[in-house]
């Protein structure tokens, strides 16, 4: 599930396939998760502020906020919250 969740989050960032995976990995690493295979939904939720900063390099602010809302909603859905 963890690899699939990682890929789902990467897709929802809206970033190019060459940029998205590294961006998400760096956001996870910033909150202490060294491998996406070990990341759980709560780890991604903790990493959202880090992901916001990194996505802002590539996307306009409105797109970043829209994508983050989609990511957060997906994470809550997956976790059953």
PDB file of N, CA and C in Angstrom:
ATOM      1  N   UNK A   1       0.818  -1.209   0.000  1.00  0.00           N
ATOM      2  CA  UNK A   1       0.000   0.000   0.000  1.00  0.00           C
ATOM      3  C   UNK A   1       0.850   1.257   0.000  1.00  0.00           C
ATOM      4  N   UNK A   2       1.972   1.254   0.689  1.00  0.00           N
ATOM      5  CA  UNK A   2       2.767   2.465   0.828  1.00  0.00           C
ATOM      6  C   UNK A   2       3.287   2.971  -0.507  1.00  0.00           C
ATOM      7  N   UNK A   3       3.754   2.078  -1.377  1.00  0.00           N
ATOM      8  CA  UNK A   3       4.247   2.512  -2.687  1.00  0.00           C
ATOM      9  C   UNK A   3       3.096   3.076  -3.512  1.00  0.00           C
ATOM     10  N   UNK A   4       1.967   2.412  -3.437  1.00  0.00           N
ATOM     11  CA  UNK A   4       0.793   2.892  -4.173  1.00  0.00           C
ATOM     12  C   UNK A   4       0.356   4.260  -3.650  1.00  0.00           C
ATOM     13  N   UNK A   5       0.348   4.416  -2.341  1.00  0.00           N
ATOM     14  CA  UNK A   5      -0.023   5.702  -1.753  1.00  0.00           C
ATOM     15  C   UNK A   5       0.948   6.788  -2.206  1.00  0.00           C
ATOM     16  N   UNK A   6       2.225   6.478  -2.208  1.00  0.00           N
ATOM     17  CA  UNK A   6       3.232   7.431  -2.680  1.00  0.00           C
ATOM     18  C   UNK A   6       2.917   7.862  -4.111  1.00  0.00           C
ATOM     19  N   UNK A   7       2.642   6.924  -4.974  1.00  0.00           N
ATOM     20  CA  UNK A   7       2.350   7.241  -6.371  1.00  0.00           C
ATOM     21  C   UNK A   7       1.075   8.066  -6.506  1.00  0.00           C
ATOM     22  N   UNK A   8       0.075   7.767  -5.675  1.00  0.00           N
ATOM     23  CA  UNK A   8      -1.164   8.550  -5.698  1.00  0.00           C
ATOM     24  C   UNK A   8      -0.906   9.994  -5.278  1.00  0.00           C
ATOM     25  N   UNK A   9      -0.075  10.178  -4.260  1.00  0.00           N
ATOM     26  CA  UNK A   9       0.236  11.534  -3.801  1.00  0.00           C
ATOM     27  C   UNK A   9       1.031  12.273  -4.865  1.00  0.00           C
ATOM     28  N   UNK A  10       2.006  11.606  -5.444  1.00  0.00           N
ATOM     29  CA  UNK A  10       2.807  12.234  -6.501  1.00  0.00           C
ATOM     30  C   UNK A  10       1.899  12.696  -7.635  1.00  0.00           C
ATOM     31  N   UNK A  11       0.986  11.857  -8.052  1.00  0.00           N
ATOM     32  CA  UNK A  11       0.063  12.222  -9.133  1.00  0.00           C
ATOM     33  C   UNK A  11      -0.772  13.433  -8.753  1.00  0.00           C
ATOM     34  N   UNK A  12      -1.240  13.472  -7.524  1.00  0.00           N
ATOM     35  CA  UNK A  12      -2.097  14.568  -7.087  1.00  0.00           C
ATOM     36  C   UNK A  12      -1.351  15.891  -6.922  1.00  0.00           C
ATOM     37  N   UNK A  13      -0.029  15.862  -6.871  1.00  0.00           N
ATOM     38  CA  UNK A  13       0.714  17.134  -6.797  1.00  0.00           C
ATOM     39  C   UNK A  13       0.574  17.924  -8.089  1.00  0.00           C
ATOM     40  N   UNK A  14       0.343  17.218  -9.185  1.00  0.00           N
ATOM     41  CA  UNK A  14       0.245  17.893 -10.477  1.00  0.00           C
ATOM     42  C   UNK A  14       1.600  18.263 -11.057  1.00  0.00           C
ATOM     43  N   UNK A  15       2.657  17.802 -10.418  1.00  0.00           N
ATOM     44  CA  UNK A  15       4.000  18.102 -10.901  1.00  0.00           C
ATOM     45  C   UNK A  15       4.398  17.122 -11.993  1.00  0.00           C
ATOM     46  N   UNK A  16       5.321  17.530 -12.825  1.00  0.00           N
ATOM     47  CA  UNK A  16       5.817  16.668 -13.900  1.00  0.00           C
ATOM     48  C   UNK A  16       6.387  15.380 -13.311  1.00  0.00           C
ATOM     49  N   UNK A  17       6.252  14.273 -14.036  1.00  0.00           N
ATOM     50  CA  UNK A  17       6.744  12.985 -13.531  1.00  0.00           C
ATOM     51  C   UNK A  17       8.229  12.977 -13.152  1.00  0.00           C
ATOM     52  N   UNK A  18       8.994  13.824 -13.747  1.00  0.00           N
ATOM     53  CA  UNK A  18      10.416  13.872 -13.411  1.00  0.00           C
ATOM     54  C   UNK A  18      10.676  14.673 -12.132  1.00  0.00           C
ATOM     55  N   UNK A  19       9.716  15.504 -11.726  1.00  0.00           N
ATOM     56  CA  UNK A  19       9.885  16.372 -10.559  1.00  0.00           C
ATOM     57  C   UNK A  19       9.093  15.876  -9.349  1.00  0.00           C
ATOM     58  N   UNK A  20       7.915  15.369  -9.586  1.00  0.00           N
ATOM     59  CA  UNK A  20       7.004  14.991  -8.507  1.00  0.00           C
ATOM     60  C   UNK A  20       7.548  14.011  -7.481  1.00  0.00           C
ATOM     61  N   UNK A  21       8.106  12.870  -7.903  1.00  0.00           N
ATOM     62  CA  UNK A  21       8.578  11.899  -6.910  1.00  0.00           C
ATOM     63  C   UNK A  21       9.640  12.454  -5.958  1.00  0.00           C
ATOM     64  N   UNK A  22      10.599  13.164  -6.493  1.00  0.00           N
ATOM     65  CA  UNK A  22      11.646  13.735  -5.645  1.00  0.00           C
ATOM     66  C   UNK A  22      11.104  14.791  -4.703  1.00  0.00           C
ATOM     67  N   UNK A  23      10.145  15.551  -5.181  1.00  0.00           N
ATOM     68  CA  UNK A  23       9.535  16.589  -4.356  1.00  0.00           C
ATOM     69  C   UNK A  23       8.823  15.968  -3.155  1.00  0.00           C
ATOM     70  N   UNK A  24       8.058  14.930  -3.399  1.00  0.00           N
ATOM     71  CA  UNK A  24       7.341  14.261  -2.314  1.00  0.00           C
ATOM     72  C   UNK A  24       8.327  13.569  -1.383  1.00  0.00           C
ATOM     73  N   UNK A  25       9.341  12.919  -1.927  1.00  0.00           N
ATOM     74  CA  UNK A  25      10.349  12.260  -1.088  1.00  0.00           C
ATOM     75  C   UNK A  25      11.048  13.250  -0.169  1.00  0.00           C
ATOM     76  N   UNK A  26      11.409  14.427  -0.687  1.00  0.00           N
ATOM     77  CA  UNK A  26      12.085  15.432   0.138  1.00  0.00           C
ATOM     78  C   UNK A  26      11.169  15.965   1.230  1.00  0.00           C
ATOM     79  N   UNK A  27       9.881  16.123   0.927  1.00  0.00           N
ATOM     80  CA  UNK A  27       8.928  16.571   1.948  1.00  0.00           C
ATOM     81  C   UNK A  27       8.804  15.528   3.054  1.00  0.00           C
ATOM     82  N   UNK A  28       8.755  14.261   2.676  1.00  0.00           N
ATOM     83  CA  UNK A  28       8.691  13.196   3.676  1.00  0.00           C
ATOM     84  C   UNK A  28       9.977  13.151   4.502  1.00  0.00           C
ATOM     85  N   UNK A  29      11.096  13.286   3.829  1.00  0.00           N
ATOM     86  CA  UNK A  29      12.380  13.244   4.530  1.00  0.00           C
ATOM     87  C   UNK A  29      12.473  14.364   5.567  1.00  0.00           C
ATOM     88  N   UNK A  30      11.906  15.508   5.245  1.00  0.00           N
ATOM     89  CA  UNK A  30      11.940  16.655   6.162  1.00  0.00           C
ATOM     90  C   UNK A  30      11.202  16.376   7.471  1.00  0.00           C
ATOM     91  N   UNK A  31      10.277  15.407   7.450  1.00  0.00           N
ATOM     92  CA  UNK A  31       9.554  15.051   8.677  1.00  0.00           C
ATOM     93  C   UNK A  31      10.029  13.707   9.230  1.00  0.00           C
ATOM     94  N   UNK A  32      11.187  13.259   8.768  1.00  0.00           N
ATOM     95  CA  UNK A  32      11.811  12.084   9.344  1.00  0.00           C
ATOM     96  C   UNK A  32      11.525  10.750   8.669  1.00  0.00           C
ATOM     97  N   UNK A  33      10.866  10.776   7.534  1.00  0.00           N
ATOM     98  CA  UNK A  33      10.579   9.534   6.811  1.00  0.00           C
ATOM     99  C   UNK A  33      11.605   9.400   5.688  1.00  0.00           C
ATOM    100  N   UNK A  34      12.485   8.427   5.824  1.00  0.00           N
ATOM    101  CA  UNK A  34      13.587   8.300   4.870  1.00  0.00           C
ATOM    102  C   UNK A  34      13.242   7.478   3.638  1.00  0.00           C
ATOM    103  N   UNK A  35      12.132   6.755   3.675  1.00  0.00           N
ATOM    104  CA  UNK A  35      11.743   5.942   2.526  1.00  0.00           C
ATOM    105  C   UNK A  35      10.227   5.989   2.348  1.00  0.00           C
ATOM    106  N   UNK A  36       9.761   6.284   1.142  1.00  0.00           N
ATOM    107  CA  UNK A  36       8.314   6.316   0.901  1.00  0.00           C
ATOM    108  C   UNK A  36       7.633   4.984   1.215  1.00  0.00           C
ATOM    109  N   UNK A  37       8.385   3.885   1.123  1.00  0.00           N
ATOM    110  CA  UNK A  37       7.807   2.578   1.413  1.00  0.00           C
ATOM    111  C   UNK A  37       7.364   2.450   2.868  1.00  0.00           C
ATOM    112  N   UNK A  38       7.916   3.278   3.734  1.00  0.00           N
ATOM    113  CA  UNK A  38       7.563   3.236   5.154  1.00  0.00           C
ATOM    114  C   UNK A  38       6.541   4.301   5.541  1.00  0.00           C
ATOM    115  N   UNK A  39       6.181   5.166   4.623  1.00  0.00           N
ATOM    116  CA  UNK A  39       5.281   6.284   4.935  1.00  0.00           C
ATOM    117  C   UNK A  39       3.842   5.815   5.070  1.00  0.00           C
ATOM    118  N   UNK A  40       3.190   6.329   6.093  1.00  0.00           N
ATOM    119  CA  UNK A  40       1.776   6.074   6.341  1.00  0.00           C
ATOM    120  C   UNK A  40       1.000   7.371   6.093  1.00  0.00           C
ATOM    121  N   UNK A  41      -0.313   7.273   6.091  1.00  0.00           N
ATOM    122  CA  UNK A  41      -1.117   8.462   5.800  1.00  0.00           C
ATOM    123  C   UNK A  41      -0.797   9.601   6.760  1.00  0.00           C
ATOM    124  N   UNK A  42      -0.600   9.302   8.057  1.00  0.00           N
ATOM    125  CA  UNK A  42      -0.317  10.378   9.011  1.00  0.00           C
ATOM    126  C   UNK A  42       1.029  11.039   8.717  1.00  0.00           C
ATOM    127  N   UNK A  43       1.970  10.300   8.122  1.00  0.00           N
ATOM    128  CA  UNK A  43       3.254  10.895   7.754  1.00  0.00           C
ATOM    129  C   UNK A  43       3.073  11.903   6.625  1.00  0.00           C
ATOM    130  N   UNK A  44       2.254  11.546   5.656  1.00  0.00           N
ATOM    131  CA  UNK A  44       1.983  12.486   4.560  1.00  0.00           C
ATOM    132  C   UNK A  44       1.269  13.726   5.075  1.00  0.00           C
ATOM    133  N   UNK A  45       0.342  13.536   6.006  1.00  0.00           N
ATOM    134  CA  UNK A  45      -0.352  14.697   6.574  1.00  0.00           C
ATOM    135  C   UNK A  45       0.629  15.620   7.295  1.00  0.00           C
ATOM    136  N   UNK A  46       1.569  15.035   8.026  1.00  0.00           N
ATOM    137  CA  UNK A  46       2.595  15.854   8.702  1.00  0.00           C
ATOM    138  C   UNK A  46       3.506  16.544   7.696  1.00  0.00           C
ATOM    139  N   UNK A  47       3.681  15.946   6.534  1.00  0.00           N
ATOM    140  CA  UNK A  47       4.580  16.491   5.519  1.00  0.00           C
ATOM    141  C   UNK A  47       3.921  17.551   4.629  1.00  0.00           C
ATOM    142  N   UNK A  48       2.626  17.763   4.771  1.00  0.00           N
ATOM    143  CA  UNK A  48       1.940  18.728   3.894  1.00  0.00           C
ATOM    144  C   UNK A  48       2.559  20.126   3.909  1.00  0.00           C
ATOM    145  N   UNK A  49       2.928  20.676   5.074  1.00  0.00           N
ATOM    146  CA  UNK A  49       3.560  22.011   5.032  1.00  0.00           C
ATOM    147  C   UNK A  49       4.875  22.009   4.244  1.00  0.00           C
ATOM    148  N   UNK A  50       5.645  20.941   4.382  1.00  0.00           N
ATOM    149  CA  UNK A  50       6.892  20.825   3.622  1.00  0.00           C
ATOM    150  C   UNK A  50       6.599  20.670   2.133  1.00  0.00           C
ATOM    151  N   UNK A  51       5.572  19.921   1.813  1.00  0.00           N
ATOM    152  CA  UNK A  51       5.190  19.734   0.425  1.00  0.00           C
ATOM    153  C   UNK A  51       4.706  21.050  -0.174  1.00  0.00           C
ATOM    154  N   UNK A  52       3.982  21.821   0.603  1.00  0.00           N
ATOM    155  CA  UNK A  52       3.499  23.131   0.146  1.00  0.00           C
ATOM    156  C   UNK A  52       4.667  24.007  -0.315  1.00  0.00           C
ATOM    157  N   UNK A  53       5.690  24.085   0.506  1.00  0.00           N
ATOM    158  CA  UNK A  53       6.861  24.912   0.179  1.00  0.00           C
ATOM    159  C   UNK A  53       7.510  24.433  -1.116  1.00  0.00           C
ATOM    160  N   UNK A  54       7.653  23.134  -1.245  1.00  0.00           N
ATOM    161  CA  UNK A  54       8.327  22.582  -2.414  1.00  0.00           C
ATOM    162  C   UNK A  54       7.481  22.722  -3.692  1.00  0.00           C
ATOM    163  N   UNK A  55       6.187  22.520  -3.575  1.00  0.00           N
ATOM    164  CA  UNK A  55       5.312  22.663  -4.742  1.00  0.00           C
ATOM    165  C   UNK A  55       5.257  24.113  -5.213  1.00  0.00           C
ATOM    166  N   UNK A  56       5.394  25.050  -4.282  1.00  0.00           N
ATOM    167  CA  UNK A  56       5.325  26.474  -4.625  1.00  0.00           C
ATOM    168  C   UNK A  56       6.451  26.903  -5.555  1.00  0.00           C
ATOM    169  N   UNK A  57       7.489  26.124  -5.630  1.00  0.00           N
ATOM    170  CA  UNK A  57       8.587  26.432  -6.555  1.00  0.00           C
ATOM    171  C   UNK A  57       8.113  26.262  -7.996  1.00  0.00           C
ATOM    172  N   UNK A  58       7.193  25.326  -8.215  1.00  0.00           N
ATOM    173  CA  UNK A  58       6.783  24.953  -9.569  1.00  0.00           C
ATOM    174  C   UNK A  58       5.382  25.396  -9.970  1.00  0.00           C
ATOM    175  N   UNK A  59       4.514  25.630  -8.984  1.00  0.00           N
ATOM    176  CA  UNK A  59       3.117  25.948  -9.273  1.00  0.00           C
ATOM    177  C   UNK A  59       2.732  27.295  -8.681  1.00  0.00           C
ATOM    178  N   UNK A  60       1.710  27.917  -9.256  1.00  0.00           N
ATOM    179  CA  UNK A  60       1.235  29.173  -8.689  1.00  0.00           C
ATOM    180  C   UNK A  60       0.493  28.881  -7.381  1.00  0.00           C
ATOM    181  N   UNK A  61       0.366  29.889  -6.514  1.00  0.00           N
ATOM    182  CA  UNK A  61      -0.220  29.667  -5.181  1.00  0.00           C
ATOM    183  C   UNK A  61      -1.608  29.039  -5.191  1.00  0.00           C
ATOM    184  N   UNK A  62      -2.455  29.445  -6.112  1.00  0.00           N
ATOM    185  CA  UNK A  62      -3.807  28.881  -6.162  1.00  0.00           C
ATOM    186  C   UNK A  62      -3.761  27.392  -6.501  1.00  0.00           C
ATOM    187  N   UNK A  63      -2.898  27.017  -7.428  1.00  0.00           N
ATOM    188  CA  UNK A  63      -2.767  25.604  -7.806  1.00  0.00           C
ATOM    189  C   UNK A  63      -2.213  24.787  -6.640  1.00  0.00           C
ATOM    190  N   UNK A  64      -1.256  25.344  -5.923  1.00  0.00           N
ATOM    191  CA  UNK A  64      -0.687  24.646  -4.771  1.00  0.00           C
ATOM    192  C   UNK A  64      -1.777  24.367  -3.750  1.00  0.00           C
ATOM    193  N   UNK A  65      -2.555  25.361  -3.416  1.00  0.00           N
ATOM    194  CA  UNK A  65      -3.607  25.183  -2.406  1.00  0.00           C
ATOM    195  C   UNK A  65      -4.664  24.188  -2.865  1.00  0.00           C
ATOM    196  N   UNK A  66      -5.048  24.261  -4.126  1.00  0.00           N
ATOM    197  CA  UNK A  66      -6.034  23.329  -4.660  1.00  0.00           C
ATOM    198  C   UNK A  66      -5.502  21.902  -4.594  1.00  0.00           C
ATOM    199  N   UNK A  67      -4.278  21.701  -5.017  1.00  0.00           N
ATOM    200  CA  UNK A  67      -3.677  20.363  -5.013  1.00  0.00           C
ATOM    201  C   UNK A  67      -3.532  19.831  -3.579  1.00  0.00           C
ATOM    202  N   UNK A  68      -3.125  20.692  -2.664  1.00  0.00           N
ATOM    203  CA  UNK A  68      -2.967  20.256  -1.276  1.00  0.00           C
ATOM    204  C   UNK A  68      -4.299  19.873  -0.645  1.00  0.00           C
ATOM    205  N   UNK A  69      -5.348  20.589  -0.984  1.00  0.00           N
ATOM    206  CA  UNK A  69      -6.685  20.209  -0.486  1.00  0.00           C
ATOM    207  C   UNK A  69      -7.077  18.832  -1.020  1.00  0.00           C
ATOM    208  N   UNK A  70      -6.776  18.580  -2.285  1.00  0.00           N
ATOM    209  CA  UNK A  70      -7.078  17.277  -2.872  1.00  0.00           C
ATOM    210  C   UNK A  70      -6.260  16.169  -2.206  1.00  0.00           C
ATOM    211  N   UNK A  71      -4.995  16.445  -1.963  1.00  0.00           N
ATOM    212  CA  UNK A  71      -4.128  15.465  -1.309  1.00  0.00           C
ATOM    213  C   UNK A  71      -4.630  15.176   0.102  1.00  0.00           C
ATOM    214  N   UNK A  72      -4.944  16.236   0.840  1.00  0.00           N
ATOM    215  CA  UNK A  72      -5.422  16.061   2.210  1.00  0.00           C
ATOM    216  C   UNK A  72      -6.727  15.270   2.238  1.00  0.00           C
ATOM    217  N   UNK A  73      -7.650  15.585   1.349  1.00  0.00           N
ATOM    218  CA  UNK A  73      -8.921  14.857   1.287  1.00  0.00           C
ATOM    219  C   UNK A  73      -8.682  13.392   0.951  1.00  0.00           C
ATOM    220  N   UNK A  74      -7.779  13.125   0.044  1.00  0.00           N
ATOM    221  CA  UNK A  74      -7.473  11.737  -0.325  1.00  0.00           C
ATOM    222  C   UNK A  74      -6.874  10.992   0.868  1.00  0.00           C
ATOM    223  N   UNK A  75      -5.948  11.628   1.560  1.00  0.00           N
ATOM    224  CA  UNK A  75      -5.320  10.987   2.725  1.00  0.00           C
ATOM    225  C   UNK A  75      -6.350  10.683   3.807  1.00  0.00           C
ATOM    226  N   UNK A  76      -7.255  11.596   4.038  1.00  0.00           N
ATOM    227  CA  UNK A  76      -8.285  11.363   5.051  1.00  0.00           C
ATOM    228  C   UNK A  76      -9.225  10.245   4.615  1.00  0.00           C
ATOM    229  N   UNK A  77      -9.521  10.205   3.326  1.00  0.00           N
ATOM    230  CA  UNK A  77     -10.369   9.134   2.809  1.00  0.00           C
ATOM    231  C   UNK A  77      -9.697   7.771   2.962  1.00  0.00           C
ATOM    232  N   UNK A  78      -8.438   7.707   2.594  1.00  0.00           N
ATOM    233  CA  UNK A  78      -7.679   6.445   2.672  1.00  0.00           C
ATOM    234  C   UNK A  78      -7.557   5.965   4.118  1.00  0.00           C
ATOM    235  N   UNK A  79      -7.366   6.918   5.034  1.00  0.00           N
ATOM    236  CA  UNK A  79      -7.171   6.545   6.443  1.00  0.00           C
ATOM    237  C   UNK A  79      -8.502   6.268   7.156  1.00  0.00           C
ATOM    238  N   UNK A  80      -9.617   6.632   6.497  1.00  0.00           N
ATOM    239  CA  UNK A  80     -10.923   6.421   7.110  1.00  0.00           C
ATOM    240  C   UNK A  80     -11.324   7.506   8.070  1.00  0.00           C
ATOM    241  N   UNK A  81     -10.581   8.602   8.073  1.00  0.00           N
ATOM    242  CA  UNK A  81     -10.885   9.703   9.002  1.00  0.00           C
ATOM    243  C   UNK A  81     -12.032  10.556   8.501  1.00  0.00           C
TER     244      UNK A  81
END
